[in-house]
Protein backbone atom coordinates (compact mmCIF):
# COMPACT_ATOMS: atom_id res chain seq x y z
CA MET A 1 -55.81 -60.58 -48.09
CA ASP A 2 -52.39 -61.94 -47.14
CA LEU A 3 -50.83 -60.19 -50.14
CA LEU A 4 -52.36 -56.87 -49.09
CA LEU A 5 -50.99 -57.26 -45.56
CA ILE A 6 -47.53 -57.67 -47.08
CA ILE A 7 -47.68 -54.96 -49.75
CA VAL A 8 -49.46 -52.21 -47.79
CA PRO A 9 -46.90 -52.06 -44.93
CA LEU A 10 -44.04 -51.96 -47.43
CA ILE A 11 -45.70 -49.09 -49.29
CA LEU A 12 -46.36 -47.22 -46.03
CA VAL A 13 -42.76 -47.48 -44.85
CA TRP A 14 -41.38 -46.60 -48.29
CA ALA A 15 -43.72 -43.62 -48.69
CA SER A 16 -42.94 -42.26 -45.21
CA GLN A 17 -39.19 -42.55 -45.82
CA MET A 18 -39.53 -40.80 -49.17
CA TYR A 19 -41.59 -38.06 -47.52
CA ILE A 20 -39.12 -37.32 -44.74
CA ASN A 21 -36.16 -37.49 -47.11
CA SER A 22 -37.79 -35.07 -49.55
CA SER A 23 -38.78 -32.74 -46.69
CA TYR A 24 -35.25 -32.86 -45.31
CA GLN A 25 -33.76 -32.12 -48.71
CA LYS A 26 -36.16 -29.21 -49.18
CA TYR A 27 -35.77 -27.58 -45.78
CA SER A 28 -32.05 -28.22 -45.46
CA THR A 29 -31.52 -25.53 -48.12
CA HIS A 30 -33.64 -22.88 -46.37
CA ASP A 31 -31.64 -20.98 -43.73
CA ILE A 32 -33.39 -19.22 -40.86
CA LYS A 33 -32.97 -15.47 -40.47
CA SER A 34 -31.28 -15.72 -37.07
CA LYS A 35 -28.54 -17.91 -38.63
CA MET A 36 -28.41 -20.10 -35.53
CA THR A 37 -27.11 -23.61 -36.09
CA GLY A 38 -28.53 -26.83 -34.67
CA LYS A 39 -25.83 -26.75 -32.01
CA ASP A 40 -26.67 -23.11 -31.15
CA VAL A 41 -30.36 -23.93 -30.85
CA THR A 42 -29.70 -26.93 -28.63
CA GLU A 43 -27.48 -24.89 -26.33
CA LYS A 44 -30.02 -22.07 -26.12
CA ILE A 45 -32.96 -24.34 -25.28
CA LEU A 46 -30.97 -26.26 -22.67
CA GLU A 47 -29.69 -23.05 -21.11
CA SER A 48 -33.19 -21.56 -20.92
CA HIS A 49 -34.24 -24.58 -18.81
CA ASN A 50 -31.03 -24.64 -16.73
CA LEU A 51 -30.04 -27.97 -18.25
CA ASN A 52 -26.89 -26.85 -20.04
CA LYS A 53 -24.62 -28.17 -17.28
CA LYS A 54 -26.45 -31.48 -17.04
CA ILE A 55 -26.84 -32.31 -20.75
CA LYS A 56 -23.94 -32.62 -23.18
CA ILE A 57 -24.03 -32.10 -26.95
CA LYS A 58 -21.96 -34.09 -29.39
CA LYS A 59 -21.63 -34.44 -33.16
CA VAL A 60 -22.21 -37.85 -34.75
CA SER A 61 -21.82 -39.17 -38.26
CA GLY A 62 -24.65 -40.06 -40.62
CA THR A 63 -27.83 -38.36 -41.82
CA LEU A 64 -30.78 -37.89 -39.47
CA THR A 65 -29.04 -40.00 -36.81
CA ASP A 66 -29.93 -37.41 -34.18
CA ASN A 67 -31.09 -38.64 -30.77
CA PHE A 68 -31.14 -38.01 -27.04
CA ASN A 69 -29.76 -40.68 -24.72
CA PRO A 70 -31.23 -40.24 -21.21
CA LYS A 71 -28.74 -42.74 -19.75
CA THR A 72 -25.71 -40.68 -20.74
CA ASN A 73 -27.52 -37.31 -20.86
CA VAL A 74 -26.14 -36.65 -24.34
CA VAL A 75 -27.91 -35.00 -27.27
CA SER A 76 -26.29 -36.36 -30.44
CA LEU A 77 -26.62 -34.25 -33.57
CA SER A 78 -25.65 -35.47 -37.04
CA ASN A 79 -23.04 -33.46 -38.92
CA ASP A 80 -25.45 -31.37 -41.02
CA ILE A 81 -27.86 -30.71 -38.16
CA TYR A 82 -25.01 -29.72 -35.83
CA SER A 83 -23.42 -27.08 -38.04
CA SER A 84 -26.20 -25.89 -40.36
CA SER A 85 -28.66 -23.04 -39.77
CA SER A 86 -31.36 -24.48 -42.02
CA ILE A 87 -35.03 -24.99 -41.19
CA ALA A 88 -34.40 -28.73 -41.08
CA SER A 89 -31.45 -28.38 -38.72
CA VAL A 90 -33.14 -26.21 -36.11
CA ALA A 91 -36.33 -28.32 -36.29
CA VAL A 92 -34.50 -31.60 -35.67
CA ALA A 93 -32.25 -30.14 -32.96
CA ALA A 94 -35.21 -28.60 -31.14
CA HIS A 95 -37.13 -31.88 -31.42
CA GLU A 96 -34.33 -33.72 -29.59
CA CYS A 97 -34.42 -30.98 -26.94
CA GLY A 98 -38.12 -31.73 -26.67
CA HIS A 99 -37.19 -35.25 -25.56
CA VAL A 100 -34.75 -33.77 -23.03
CA LEU A 101 -37.56 -31.68 -21.55
CA GLN A 102 -39.86 -34.71 -21.44
CA HIS A 103 -37.35 -36.65 -19.35
CA ASP A 104 -36.64 -33.67 -17.13
CA GLU A 105 -40.36 -33.15 -16.44
CA LYS A 106 -41.06 -36.91 -16.26
CA TYR A 107 -43.63 -36.74 -19.03
CA LEU A 108 -46.03 -39.68 -18.57
CA PHE A 109 -45.63 -41.34 -21.96
CA ILE A 110 -41.84 -41.10 -21.90
CA MET A 111 -41.83 -42.75 -18.46
CA ILE A 112 -44.04 -45.60 -19.72
CA ARG A 113 -41.84 -45.90 -22.80
CA ASN A 114 -38.68 -46.14 -20.70
CA PHE A 115 -40.30 -48.81 -18.52
CA LEU A 116 -41.15 -50.89 -21.59
CA VAL A 117 -37.70 -50.72 -23.23
CA PRO A 118 -36.17 -53.84 -21.56
CA ILE A 119 -39.44 -55.76 -22.02
CA VAL A 120 -39.59 -54.83 -25.71
CA ASN A 121 -35.94 -55.77 -26.21
CA PHE A 122 -36.72 -59.25 -24.87
CA SER A 123 -40.04 -59.74 -26.66
CA SER A 124 -38.72 -58.50 -30.03
CA LYS A 125 -35.69 -60.75 -29.80
CA PHE A 126 -37.53 -63.96 -28.94
CA GLY A 127 -40.98 -63.31 -30.46
CA TYR A 128 -39.97 -64.16 -34.04
CA ILE A 129 -37.91 -67.14 -32.90
CA ILE A 130 -40.85 -68.59 -30.98
CA ILE A 131 -43.17 -68.06 -33.97
CA VAL A 132 -40.78 -69.86 -36.33
CA VAL A 133 -40.25 -72.75 -33.91
CA GLY A 134 -44.01 -72.99 -33.39
CA TRP A 135 -44.64 -73.26 -37.12
CA LEU A 136 -41.90 -75.83 -37.63
CA LEU A 137 -43.32 -77.99 -34.83
CA SER A 138 -46.98 -77.18 -35.66
CA LEU A 139 -47.49 -75.97 -32.09
CA PHE A 140 -50.13 -73.28 -32.51
CA ASP A 141 -50.12 -72.28 -28.85
CA LEU A 142 -46.42 -71.55 -29.20
CA ILE A 143 -47.09 -69.45 -32.31
CA LEU A 144 -49.72 -67.50 -30.39
CA LEU A 145 -47.23 -66.88 -27.58
CA GLY A 146 -44.77 -65.50 -30.12
CA ILE A 147 -47.45 -63.22 -31.56
CA LEU A 148 -48.30 -61.96 -28.07
CA LEU A 149 -44.63 -61.20 -27.45
CA MET A 150 -44.44 -59.29 -30.72
CA SER A 151 -47.55 -57.31 -29.77
CA VAL A 152 -45.59 -55.76 -26.88
CA ALA A 153 -43.43 -53.99 -29.48
CA LEU A 154 -46.62 -52.71 -31.10
CA ILE A 155 -47.78 -51.24 -27.79
CA PHE A 156 -44.34 -49.66 -27.44
CA GLN A 157 -44.70 -48.05 -30.87
CA LEU A 158 -48.19 -46.83 -30.02
CA ILE A 159 -46.87 -45.09 -26.91
CA THR A 160 -44.01 -43.66 -28.96
CA LEU A 161 -46.46 -41.74 -31.18
CA PRO A 162 -47.68 -39.20 -28.57
CA THR A 163 -44.10 -38.95 -27.29
CA GLU A 164 -42.82 -37.90 -30.72
CA PHE A 165 -45.70 -35.52 -31.43
CA ASN A 166 -45.28 -33.93 -28.01
CA ALA A 167 -41.53 -33.47 -28.55
CA SER A 168 -42.27 -31.72 -31.85
CA LYS A 169 -44.87 -29.49 -30.20
CA ARG A 170 -42.36 -28.53 -27.51
CA ALA A 171 -39.76 -27.86 -30.22
CA ALA A 172 -42.00 -25.38 -32.04
CA VAL A 173 -42.89 -23.57 -28.80
CA GLU A 174 -39.23 -23.25 -27.74
CA LEU A 175 -38.07 -21.98 -31.13
CA VAL A 176 -40.65 -19.18 -31.15
CA LYS A 177 -40.30 -18.34 -27.45
CA LEU A 178 -36.52 -17.95 -27.73
CA ASN A 179 -36.81 -15.91 -30.95
CA VAL A 180 -34.84 -18.48 -32.93
CA ILE A 181 -37.36 -18.41 -35.78
CA THR A 182 -40.02 -16.02 -37.05
CA GLN A 183 -43.74 -16.77 -37.30
CA GLU A 184 -43.30 -17.24 -41.06
CA GLU A 185 -40.52 -19.76 -40.50
CA LEU A 186 -42.65 -21.58 -37.93
CA LYS A 187 -44.92 -22.93 -40.68
CA GLU A 188 -41.96 -24.56 -42.43
CA VAL A 189 -40.56 -25.91 -39.16
CA LYS A 190 -43.90 -27.58 -38.39
CA LYS A 191 -43.97 -29.19 -41.84
CA MET A 192 -40.51 -30.62 -41.28
CA LEU A 193 -41.44 -31.94 -37.84
CA ARG A 194 -44.70 -33.42 -39.18
CA SER A 195 -42.89 -35.33 -41.91
CA ALA A 196 -40.61 -36.92 -39.32
CA ALA A 197 -43.57 -37.96 -37.17
CA TYR A 198 -45.25 -39.72 -40.10
CA THR A 199 -42.42 -42.26 -40.20
CA TYR A 200 -43.43 -43.45 -36.73
CA VAL A 201 -47.09 -43.63 -37.75
CA ALA A 202 -46.24 -45.65 -40.86
CA SER A 203 -43.99 -47.99 -38.87
CA PHE A 204 -46.78 -48.62 -36.36
CA PHE A 205 -49.32 -49.56 -39.03
CA ALA A 206 -46.76 -51.68 -40.87
CA ASN A 207 -46.13 -53.77 -37.75
CA LEU A 208 -49.85 -53.92 -37.01
CA ALA A 209 -50.46 -55.36 -40.47
CA GLN A 210 -47.72 -57.91 -39.94
CA LEU A 211 -49.25 -59.12 -36.68
CA LEU A 212 -52.68 -59.33 -38.31
CA ARG A 213 -51.18 -61.47 -41.07
CA TYR A 214 -49.73 -63.84 -38.48
CA LEU A 215 -53.09 -64.08 -36.73
CA LEU A 216 -54.92 -64.80 -40.00
CA ILE A 217 -52.44 -67.55 -40.88
CA LEU A 218 -52.75 -69.02 -37.38
CA ARG A 219 -56.54 -68.98 -37.56
CA ARG A 220 -56.51 -70.60 -41.01
CA ASN A 221 -54.18 -73.37 -39.88
CA ASP A 222 -56.15 -73.89 -36.69
CA ASP A 223 -59.32 -74.44 -38.74
């Protein structure tokens, strides 16, 4: 059982990464008919919601390092996403705009997620340390405390799931509404967005399995 709880999460994470990488490679070679780049798409979506003066766009290095920082109001697009007019580029750029719209509208799950960020930063940092110290000292109550702290990160990941799916849904709606893509291209955009979302699902189940393994070990030692 313990071996399964180690192997299965690793397979899930590996498979999800392979899936998004293969999807990105596939759809990064398919240009949309409108020829709009990721930067163009981001500007158009922000402008349509009167957010173009509030939100800045910048280019960052790396692959799929795209993100929206609500503290600085900056949408960061990786080099390829920023300048390419591929299916992958417009999908990723629009997804980050989806997060912008969530913050602007105070979407419930994004508000809960923001509230949990400092708590998760603390619990993730000290949870493992407390577990290790508890095992070294054979203090099972301390181990349980560490597990509880780590479970906060799991709740955070669970809340992240609807946030990511909602951002992707918003992305698809905006791209069609603003005539950035055609109905035929929409199918490919949705596939790209879906592959990205699966990485969050896999990560959630991987961490769930890890916590279950800790609980099984704790129960066995307690017996």
